[in-house]
Amino acid sequence: MSRVDEVRFGVVTFPGSNCEQDAVHALRHLGYRADYVWHQDTNLNDYDALVLPGGFSYGDYLRCGAVARFSPVMSEVVRYAEAGRPVIGICNGFQVLTEAHLLPGALIRNKGLKFLCQTVHLRVEQSVCKWLDLPTGIVLDIPISHNEGNYICDDDTLARLQENGQIVVRYCEPDGSRLPQGSAPNGALDDIAGICNPRGNVFGLMPHPERVTDAVSGSNAGSVFFTAIATYAREVAGR
């Protein structure tokens, strides 16, 4: 795209991140400004939205995302999110958001204890999430690539997620239905693929929308995870 949108994304990069270039490429392809934000940076004021990308932050030692939680940038990410500004965590970024308690629950080893790299079907749910602006029930084909994508939480947390409209996308069958035994290839509770906070500005998901945003990937299904937030980011910034 020749036009450059004024919305500026910061892509937070930890030692061990390996999807930050995909995220920056996708955002720039969609016409937005996108910059790398090193994990030791503590000034996020110039960014309209933040992306915590996938990878293996700090080698996934201890637990996925547990060490990244204590990076200098994360205290600023928490303040940024609490101010109502947009934050998305993709795959390892989702794990970091749960470790930072910006999102509830946890991500554990996949069912079957195998790394999964495949395209999955995601059903868009009715939610308060600002990162998606699609009719409920639409099915998107988005790739996953993870070893710890099995979402879990306690019963009370699950009930709150359901009641508050915090479940954003669920794994499903091609027609949008869900199998009685579950449609999540990783075993995720309630087929949960992505959730948001009650305010809707912090969103975490295991699939990788940044990998399907241009003709090279053969699909632009992931674009919708970034375009809707630009409008919201402008509103927050007062533009």
Protein backbone atom coordinates (compact mmCIF):
# COMPACT_ATOMS: atom_id res chain seq x y z
CA MET A 1 0.00 0.00 0.00
CA SER A 2 1.28 3.47 -0.86
CA ARG A 3 -0.87 5.27 1.71
CA VAL A 4 0.48 5.25 5.26
CA ASP A 5 -2.15 5.48 7.97
CA GLU A 6 -1.41 7.71 10.95
CA VAL A 7 -2.13 4.87 13.40
CA ARG A 8 1.17 3.68 14.84
CA PHE A 9 1.65 0.17 16.24
CA GLY A 10 4.45 -0.84 18.59
CA VAL A 11 5.52 -4.48 18.33
CA VAL A 12 7.11 -5.50 21.64
CA THR A 13 10.13 -7.75 21.12
CA PHE A 14 11.59 -10.00 23.81
CA PRO A 15 14.72 -12.15 23.59
CA GLY A 16 13.38 -15.27 21.89
CA SER A 17 10.52 -13.59 20.02
CA ASN A 18 10.41 -14.89 16.45
CA CYS A 19 7.16 -13.53 15.01
CA GLU A 20 7.83 -9.82 15.44
CA GLN A 21 8.91 -9.44 11.82
CA ASP A 22 5.71 -11.12 10.63
CA ALA A 23 3.67 -8.68 12.72
CA VAL A 24 5.54 -5.60 11.49
CA HIS A 25 5.30 -6.79 7.87
CA ALA A 26 1.55 -7.44 8.17
CA LEU A 27 0.86 -4.05 9.76
CA ARG A 28 2.93 -2.14 7.21
CA HIS A 29 1.30 -4.10 4.38
CA LEU A 30 -2.09 -2.98 5.72
CA GLY A 31 -0.88 0.61 5.57
CA TYR A 32 -0.11 1.31 9.22
CA ARG A 33 3.05 2.57 10.84
CA ALA A 34 4.75 -0.18 12.82
CA ASP A 35 7.94 -0.13 14.89
CA TYR A 36 9.83 -2.64 16.98
CA VAL A 37 9.77 -1.98 20.74
CA TRP A 38 12.66 -3.59 22.60
CA HIS A 39 11.81 -5.28 25.91
CA GLN A 40 13.93 -2.80 27.86
CA ASP A 41 12.10 0.24 26.49
CA THR A 42 9.81 2.01 28.95
CA ASN A 43 8.29 4.80 26.87
CA LEU A 44 5.17 3.69 24.97
CA ASN A 45 3.53 7.10 24.66
CA ASP A 46 4.09 7.36 20.91
CA TYR A 47 2.09 4.23 20.05
CA ASP A 48 -1.63 3.97 19.37
CA ALA A 49 -1.72 0.18 19.84
CA LEU A 50 0.66 -2.52 21.05
CA VAL A 51 1.30 -6.02 19.71
CA LEU A 52 2.98 -8.73 21.80
CA PRO A 53 4.04 -11.23 19.11
CA GLY A 54 4.59 -14.97 19.11
CA GLY A 55 7.79 -16.87 19.72
CA PHE A 56 9.64 -18.29 22.69
CA SER A 57 10.34 -15.34 24.96
CA TYR A 58 13.35 -16.09 27.16
CA GLY A 59 13.35 -19.64 25.79
CA ASP A 60 10.01 -20.40 27.47
CA TYR A 61 11.93 -21.17 30.64
CA LEU A 62 9.92 -21.70 33.84
CA ARG A 63 6.59 -21.24 32.00
CA CYS A 64 5.76 -19.69 28.66
CA GLY A 65 5.68 -15.92 29.19
CA ALA A 66 6.60 -16.13 32.87
CA VAL A 67 10.03 -14.52 32.54
CA ALA A 68 8.90 -11.96 29.95
CA ARG A 69 6.36 -10.80 32.51
CA PHE A 70 9.23 -9.15 34.44
CA SER A 71 10.80 -7.32 31.49
CA PRO A 72 11.05 -3.54 32.04
CA VAL A 73 8.56 -2.87 29.24
CA MET A 74 5.81 -4.91 30.86
CA SER A 75 5.10 -2.50 33.72
CA GLU A 76 4.48 0.10 31.02
CA VAL A 77 2.33 -2.33 29.01
CA VAL A 78 0.18 -2.83 32.12
CA ARG A 79 -0.21 0.93 32.60
CA TYR A 80 -0.94 1.34 28.89
CA ALA A 81 -3.67 -1.31 29.05
CA GLU A 82 -5.17 0.05 32.25
CA ALA A 83 -5.51 3.42 30.52
CA GLY A 84 -7.85 1.77 28.01
CA ARG A 85 -5.38 1.70 25.13
CA PRO A 86 -5.31 -1.29 22.73
CA VAL A 87 -3.06 -4.29 23.40
CA ILE A 88 -3.06 -7.61 21.52
CA GLY A 89 -1.04 -10.69 22.44
CA ILE A 90 -0.60 -13.35 19.77
CA CYS A 91 0.43 -16.90 20.76
CA ASN A 92 3.38 -16.32 23.12
CA GLY A 93 2.05 -12.78 23.53
CA PHE A 94 -1.22 -14.25 24.83
CA GLN A 95 0.79 -16.31 27.30
CA VAL A 96 2.62 -13.18 28.45
CA LEU A 97 -0.68 -11.35 28.97
CA THR A 98 -1.99 -14.14 31.22
CA GLU A 99 1.25 -14.18 33.21
CA ALA A 100 0.97 -10.41 33.62
CA HIS A 101 -2.63 -10.85 34.85
CA LEU A 102 -3.97 -8.62 32.11
CA LEU A 103 -6.04 -11.62 31.02
CA PRO A 104 -7.33 -14.48 33.21
CA GLY A 105 -6.49 -18.16 32.94
CA ALA A 106 -3.39 -19.90 31.65
CA LEU A 107 -2.04 -21.74 28.60
CA ILE A 108 -0.65 -25.24 29.16
CA ARG A 109 0.71 -28.09 27.01
CA ASN A 110 -1.45 -29.14 24.09
CA LYS A 111 -3.64 -32.19 24.34
CA GLY A 112 -1.50 -35.07 23.12
CA LEU A 113 1.68 -33.20 24.13
CA LYS A 114 2.58 -32.40 20.52
CA PHE A 115 3.48 -29.15 18.79
CA LEU A 116 0.67 -28.11 16.42
CA CYS A 117 1.24 -26.23 13.17
CA GLN A 118 -1.90 -26.16 11.02
CA THR A 119 -4.79 -24.00 9.85
CA VAL A 120 -7.83 -24.00 12.12
CA HIS A 121 -11.39 -22.76 11.88
CA LEU A 122 -12.32 -19.93 14.24
CA ARG A 123 -15.88 -18.83 14.98
CA VAL A 124 -16.34 -15.19 15.89
CA GLU A 125 -18.37 -14.86 19.09
CA GLN A 126 -20.45 -11.98 20.35
CA SER A 127 -18.03 -10.13 22.61
CA VAL A 128 -16.95 -6.78 23.97
CA CYS A 129 -13.61 -6.99 22.14
CA LYS A 130 -12.55 -3.84 20.29
CA TRP A 131 -10.11 -5.77 18.09
CA LEU A 132 -12.80 -7.37 15.92
CA ASP A 133 -15.80 -5.88 14.16
CA LEU A 134 -17.42 -8.88 12.49
CA PRO A 135 -20.89 -10.43 12.72
CA THR A 136 -21.24 -13.21 15.26
CA GLY A 137 -20.90 -16.67 13.75
CA ILE A 138 -18.52 -15.87 10.90
CA VAL A 139 -15.85 -18.56 10.47
CA LEU A 140 -12.24 -17.54 9.76
CA ASP A 141 -9.39 -19.83 8.72
CA ILE A 142 -6.28 -18.82 10.65
CA PRO A 143 -3.05 -20.79 11.28
CA ILE A 144 -1.81 -21.95 14.67
CA SER A 145 1.76 -22.81 15.64
CA HIS A 146 2.19 -23.64 19.30
CA ASN A 147 3.05 -26.22 21.92
CA GLU A 148 1.23 -24.63 24.88
CA GLY A 149 -2.09 -23.43 23.52
CA ASN A 150 -4.42 -25.40 25.77
CA TYR A 151 -6.41 -22.66 27.54
CA ILE A 152 -7.56 -23.41 31.09
CA CYS A 153 -9.24 -21.51 33.91
CA ASP A 154 -11.40 -22.31 36.92
CA ASP A 155 -15.18 -22.61 36.74
CA ASP A 156 -15.86 -19.16 38.18
CA THR A 157 -13.53 -17.51 35.69
CA LEU A 158 -15.11 -19.39 32.79
CA ALA A 159 -18.57 -18.28 33.93
CA ARG A 160 -17.41 -14.65 34.05
CA LEU A 161 -15.85 -14.89 30.58
CA GLN A 162 -19.12 -16.23 29.21
CA GLU A 163 -21.37 -13.76 31.03
CA ASN A 164 -19.25 -10.70 30.25
CA GLY A 165 -18.79 -11.46 26.55
CA GLN A 166 -15.04 -11.91 26.90
CA ILE A 167 -14.72 -15.00 24.71
CA VAL A 168 -13.84 -13.52 21.33
CA VAL A 169 -13.10 -16.53 19.10
CA ARG A 170 -13.61 -20.27 19.51
CA TYR A 171 -12.22 -23.23 17.60
CA CYS A 172 -14.95 -24.81 15.52
CA GLU A 173 -15.78 -27.03 12.55
CA PRO A 174 -15.84 -25.63 8.98
CA ASP A 175 -19.57 -24.89 9.24
CA GLY A 176 -19.19 -23.09 12.57
CA SER A 177 -20.51 -25.93 14.70
CA ARG A 178 -18.62 -27.40 17.64
CA LEU A 179 -18.18 -31.08 18.36
CA PRO A 180 -19.61 -32.44 21.65
CA GLN A 181 -16.12 -33.58 22.63
CA GLY A 182 -14.67 -30.21 21.63
CA SER A 183 -13.25 -28.80 18.42
CA ALA A 184 -10.04 -27.33 19.82
CA PRO A 185 -7.07 -29.28 18.43
CA ASN A 186 -5.06 -28.35 21.52
CA GLY A 187 -7.78 -29.33 24.02
CA ALA A 188 -8.61 -25.77 25.09
CA LEU A 189 -11.44 -25.41 27.60
CA ASP A 190 -14.75 -24.48 25.96
CA ASP A 191 -12.90 -24.40 22.60
CA ILE A 192 -11.46 -21.01 23.57
CA ALA A 193 -9.00 -19.60 21.04
CA GLY A 194 -9.01 -15.98 22.19
CA ILE A 195 -10.35 -13.82 25.02
CA CYS A 196 -10.35 -10.16 26.02
CA ASN A 197 -10.55 -8.20 29.26
CA PRO A 198 -13.93 -6.81 30.43
CA ARG A 199 -13.14 -3.45 28.87
CA GLY A 200 -12.41 -5.04 25.50
CA ASN A 201 -9.11 -3.29 24.82
CA VAL A 202 -6.78 -6.18 25.76
CA PHE A 203 -7.09 -9.22 23.49
CA GLY A 204 -5.12 -12.46 23.51
CA LEU A 205 -5.38 -15.30 21.00
CA MET A 206 -3.33 -18.35 20.12
CA PRO A 207 -3.80 -18.35 16.29
CA HIS A 208 -1.59 -16.13 14.12
CA PRO A 209 -3.65 -13.58 12.11
CA GLU A 210 -0.47 -11.73 11.07
CA ARG A 211 0.45 -14.72 8.89
CA VAL A 212 -2.59 -14.36 6.63
CA THR A 213 -2.75 -10.72 5.61
CA ASP A 214 -1.43 -10.65 2.05
CA ALA A 215 -1.37 -12.47 -1.28
CA VAL A 216 1.87 -14.28 -0.45
CA SER A 217 0.05 -16.31 2.21
CA GLY A 218 -2.90 -16.87 -0.12
CA SER A 219 -5.38 -15.29 2.31
CA ASN A 220 -6.12 -11.98 3.99
CA ALA A 221 -8.38 -13.46 6.66
CA GLY A 222 -6.12 -12.15 9.41
CA SER A 223 -6.45 -8.52 8.33
CA VAL A 224 -9.69 -8.08 10.25
CA PHE A 225 -7.83 -8.50 13.54
CA PHE A 226 -5.94 -5.28 12.85
CA THR A 227 -8.18 -3.03 10.76
CA ALA A 228 -10.99 -2.61 13.29
CA ILE A 229 -8.59 -1.55 16.00
CA ALA A 230 -7.35 1.39 13.93
CA THR A 231 -10.73 3.10 14.32
CA TYR A 232 -10.73 2.45 18.05
CA ALA A 233 -7.12 3.63 18.39
CA ARG A 234 -8.03 6.92 16.70
CA GLU A 235 -10.95 7.36 19.11
CA VAL A 236 -8.71 6.74 22.13
CA ALA A 237 -6.12 9.17 20.76
CA GLY A 238 -8.81 11.78 20.07
CA ARG A 239 -8.11 11.95 16.35
